Amino acid sequence: ARVGDEVVFTIRVSNSGTGTAGRVLVRATLTDGLHRPEGTVIEAELRDLPPGESKPVALRVVATKAGPQSCTLTA
């Protein structure tokens, strides 16, 4: 992407367990060359993800600096 371009990260959260996953907190940490109005740490809570299922989440950001950038995820 070039500076000013929108970048879309598609995050897929999967439940590989045997029970429903309730209240899964997904945290995305962006490098300083990616911008989102909420800041560089974005959190979203997913509720009641049944066993064996996945849920995609789109995270849209804007590139603000040149060079390698990344998004680190934890759930």
N, C-alpha and C. Protein backbone atom coordinates (compact mmCIF):
# COMPACT_ATOMS: atom_id res chain seq x y z
N ALA A 1 0.84 -1.18 0.00
CA ALA A 1 0.00 0.00 0.00
C ALA A 1 0.89 1.24 0.00
N ARG A 2 0.35 2.31 -0.49
CA ARG A 2 1.05 3.59 -0.48
C ARG A 2 0.46 4.47 0.60
N VAL A 3 1.21 5.48 0.99
CA VAL A 3 0.71 6.42 2.00
C VAL A 3 -0.62 6.99 1.51
N GLY A 4 -1.61 6.96 2.36
CA GLY A 4 -2.95 7.44 2.03
C GLY A 4 -3.91 6.35 1.60
N ASP A 5 -3.38 5.17 1.27
CA ASP A 5 -4.24 4.05 0.86
C ASP A 5 -4.92 3.41 2.06
N GLU A 6 -6.12 2.91 1.82
CA GLU A 6 -6.80 2.10 2.83
C GLU A 6 -6.25 0.68 2.77
N VAL A 7 -6.02 0.10 3.93
CA VAL A 7 -5.55 -1.28 4.05
C VAL A 7 -6.59 -2.04 4.86
N VAL A 8 -6.97 -3.21 4.39
CA VAL A 8 -7.97 -4.02 5.10
C VAL A 8 -7.31 -5.31 5.57
N PHE A 9 -7.31 -5.50 6.89
CA PHE A 9 -6.87 -6.75 7.48
C PHE A 9 -8.13 -7.59 7.72
N THR A 10 -8.14 -8.82 7.22
CA THR A 10 -9.26 -9.71 7.50
C THR A 10 -8.81 -10.67 8.60
N ILE A 11 -9.47 -10.56 9.73
CA ILE A 11 -9.15 -11.35 10.91
C ILE A 11 -10.19 -12.45 11.03
N ARG A 12 -9.75 -13.67 11.16
CA ARG A 12 -10.68 -14.79 11.33
C ARG A 12 -10.45 -15.41 12.70
N VAL A 13 -11.48 -15.37 13.52
CA VAL A 13 -11.42 -15.97 14.86
C VAL A 13 -12.16 -17.29 14.79
N SER A 14 -11.49 -18.36 15.20
CA SER A 14 -12.07 -19.70 15.14
C SER A 14 -12.13 -20.32 16.53
N ASN A 15 -13.17 -21.10 16.73
CA ASN A 15 -13.32 -21.86 17.97
C ASN A 15 -13.08 -23.32 17.65
N SER A 16 -11.89 -23.82 17.99
CA SER A 16 -11.56 -25.22 17.72
C SER A 16 -11.91 -26.13 18.90
N GLY A 17 -12.54 -25.56 19.92
CA GLY A 17 -12.89 -26.34 21.10
C GLY A 17 -14.21 -27.08 20.94
N THR A 18 -14.66 -27.68 22.04
CA THR A 18 -15.90 -28.46 22.02
C THR A 18 -17.08 -27.72 22.64
N GLY A 19 -16.80 -26.56 23.23
CA GLY A 19 -17.87 -25.77 23.83
C GLY A 19 -17.92 -24.38 23.22
N THR A 20 -19.00 -23.68 23.47
CA THR A 20 -19.16 -22.32 22.97
C THR A 20 -18.14 -21.39 23.64
N ALA A 21 -17.48 -20.58 22.83
CA ALA A 21 -16.54 -19.57 23.35
C ALA A 21 -17.33 -18.29 23.57
N GLY A 22 -17.43 -17.87 24.81
CA GLY A 22 -18.17 -16.66 25.14
C GLY A 22 -17.22 -15.51 25.45
N ARG A 23 -17.58 -14.34 25.02
CA ARG A 23 -16.84 -13.13 25.33
C ARG A 23 -15.35 -13.21 24.97
N VAL A 24 -15.07 -13.48 23.71
CA VAL A 24 -13.70 -13.51 23.22
C VAL A 24 -13.28 -12.08 22.91
N LEU A 25 -12.23 -11.62 23.55
CA LEU A 25 -11.73 -10.27 23.32
C LEU A 25 -10.61 -10.34 22.28
N VAL A 26 -10.80 -9.66 21.17
CA VAL A 26 -9.79 -9.60 20.11
C VAL A 26 -9.13 -8.23 20.20
N ARG A 27 -7.80 -8.22 20.28
CA ARG A 27 -7.06 -6.96 20.38
C ARG A 27 -6.09 -6.87 19.20
N ALA A 28 -6.19 -5.77 18.45
CA ALA A 28 -5.28 -5.51 17.34
C ALA A 28 -4.40 -4.33 17.72
N THR A 29 -3.09 -4.49 17.57
CA THR A 29 -2.13 -3.42 17.85
C THR A 29 -1.45 -3.06 16.53
N LEU A 30 -1.59 -1.80 16.13
CA LEU A 30 -1.05 -1.32 14.86
C LEU A 30 0.28 -0.63 15.06
N THR A 31 1.15 -0.75 14.06
CA THR A 31 2.38 0.03 14.09
C THR A 31 2.03 1.49 13.80
N ASP A 32 2.99 2.40 14.06
CA ASP A 32 2.68 3.83 13.97
C ASP A 32 2.45 4.33 12.55
N GLY A 33 2.66 3.51 11.54
CA GLY A 33 2.40 3.91 10.16
C GLY A 33 1.03 3.52 9.66
N LEU A 34 0.19 3.00 10.55
CA LEU A 34 -1.19 2.65 10.23
C LEU A 34 -2.11 3.44 11.15
N HIS A 35 -3.16 4.04 10.57
CA HIS A 35 -4.03 4.92 11.35
C HIS A 35 -5.47 4.41 11.36
N ARG A 36 -6.05 4.53 12.52
CA ARG A 36 -7.48 4.29 12.72
C ARG A 36 -7.92 5.30 13.77
N PRO A 37 -9.09 5.95 13.61
CA PRO A 37 -9.51 6.99 14.56
C PRO A 37 -9.50 6.55 16.02
N GLU A 38 -9.72 5.26 16.29
CA GLU A 38 -9.75 4.76 17.67
C GLU A 38 -8.37 4.69 18.30
N GLY A 39 -7.31 4.80 17.50
CA GLY A 39 -5.96 4.73 18.02
C GLY A 39 -5.22 3.52 17.52
N THR A 40 -4.07 3.22 18.13
CA THR A 40 -3.24 2.12 17.66
C THR A 40 -3.58 0.77 18.30
N VAL A 41 -4.43 0.79 19.33
CA VAL A 41 -4.90 -0.46 19.93
C VAL A 41 -6.42 -0.48 19.81
N ILE A 42 -6.92 -1.48 19.10
CA ILE A 42 -8.37 -1.61 18.87
C ILE A 42 -8.82 -2.91 19.51
N GLU A 43 -9.92 -2.86 20.24
CA GLU A 43 -10.46 -4.07 20.87
C GLU A 43 -11.90 -4.28 20.43
N ALA A 44 -12.23 -5.55 20.23
CA ALA A 44 -13.60 -5.93 19.89
C ALA A 44 -13.93 -7.22 20.64
N GLU A 45 -15.13 -7.32 21.14
CA GLU A 45 -15.56 -8.52 21.85
C GLU A 45 -16.50 -9.32 20.97
N LEU A 46 -16.21 -10.61 20.82
CA LEU A 46 -17.08 -11.52 20.10
C LEU A 46 -17.80 -12.37 21.13
N ARG A 47 -19.09 -12.49 20.98
CA ARG A 47 -19.88 -13.26 21.94
C ARG A 47 -20.37 -14.56 21.32
N ASP A 48 -20.34 -15.59 22.12
CA ASP A 48 -20.96 -16.87 21.78
C ASP A 48 -20.56 -17.40 20.41
N LEU A 49 -19.30 -17.77 20.28
CA LEU A 49 -18.82 -18.40 19.05
C LEU A 49 -18.93 -19.91 19.25
N PRO A 50 -19.85 -20.57 18.53
CA PRO A 50 -20.08 -22.01 18.72
C PRO A 50 -18.85 -22.84 18.36
N PRO A 51 -18.76 -24.05 18.92
CA PRO A 51 -17.63 -24.92 18.62
C PRO A 51 -17.55 -25.23 17.12
N GLY A 52 -16.33 -25.21 16.59
CA GLY A 52 -16.12 -25.54 15.18
C GLY A 52 -16.44 -24.41 14.21
N GLU A 53 -16.84 -23.26 14.71
CA GLU A 53 -17.20 -22.16 13.82
C GLU A 53 -16.14 -21.06 13.84
N SER A 54 -16.17 -20.23 12.77
CA SER A 54 -15.26 -19.11 12.63
C SER A 54 -16.06 -17.85 12.35
N LYS A 55 -15.46 -16.72 12.70
CA LYS A 55 -16.10 -15.44 12.41
C LYS A 55 -15.05 -14.51 11.83
N PRO A 56 -15.30 -13.98 10.60
CA PRO A 56 -14.37 -13.02 10.03
C PRO A 56 -14.68 -11.61 10.53
N VAL A 57 -13.63 -10.84 10.75
CA VAL A 57 -13.78 -9.44 11.17
C VAL A 57 -12.85 -8.62 10.28
N ALA A 58 -13.37 -7.57 9.64
CA ALA A 58 -12.56 -6.70 8.78
C ALA A 58 -12.08 -5.51 9.60
N LEU A 59 -10.79 -5.23 9.54
CA LEU A 59 -10.20 -4.09 10.21
C LEU A 59 -9.63 -3.17 9.14
N ARG A 60 -10.26 -2.01 8.95
CA ARG A 60 -9.85 -1.04 7.93
C ARG A 60 -8.99 0.04 8.56
N VAL A 61 -7.83 0.27 7.97
CA VAL A 61 -6.90 1.29 8.44
C VAL A 61 -6.38 2.07 7.24
N VAL A 62 -5.68 3.17 7.51
CA VAL A 62 -5.08 3.97 6.45
C VAL A 62 -3.57 3.99 6.67
N ALA A 63 -2.82 3.76 5.59
CA ALA A 63 -1.36 3.82 5.66
C ALA A 63 -0.95 5.30 5.75
N THR A 64 -0.13 5.62 6.77
CA THR A 64 0.29 7.01 6.97
C THR A 64 1.79 7.21 6.86
N LYS A 65 2.56 6.13 6.80
CA LYS A 65 4.01 6.21 6.68
C LYS A 65 4.51 5.14 5.72
N ALA A 66 5.64 5.44 5.09
CA ALA A 66 6.27 4.45 4.21
C ALA A 66 7.01 3.41 5.05
N GLY A 67 7.28 2.28 4.44
CA GLY A 67 8.04 1.23 5.10
C GLY A 67 7.15 0.12 5.62
N PRO A 68 7.76 -0.94 6.12
CA PRO A 68 7.00 -2.08 6.62
C PRO A 68 6.10 -1.68 7.80
N GLN A 69 4.88 -2.14 7.77
CA GLN A 69 3.91 -1.90 8.84
C GLN A 69 3.26 -3.22 9.18
N SER A 70 2.67 -3.32 10.37
CA SER A 70 2.05 -4.58 10.75
C SER A 70 0.91 -4.37 11.73
N CYS A 71 0.15 -5.44 11.88
CA CYS A 71 -0.94 -5.50 12.83
C CYS A 71 -0.74 -6.78 13.64
N THR A 72 -0.57 -6.63 14.95
CA THR A 72 -0.37 -7.77 15.84
C THR A 72 -1.70 -8.08 16.52
N LEU A 73 -2.08 -9.35 16.53
CA LEU A 73 -3.37 -9.75 17.08
C LEU A 73 -3.23 -10.68 18.26
N THR A 74 -4.15 -10.51 19.22
CA THR A 74 -4.29 -11.45 20.33
C THR A 74 -5.78 -11.67 20.56
N ALA A 75 -6.12 -12.84 21.05
CA ALA A 75 -7.53 -13.13 21.37
C ALA A 75 -7.57 -13.80 22.73
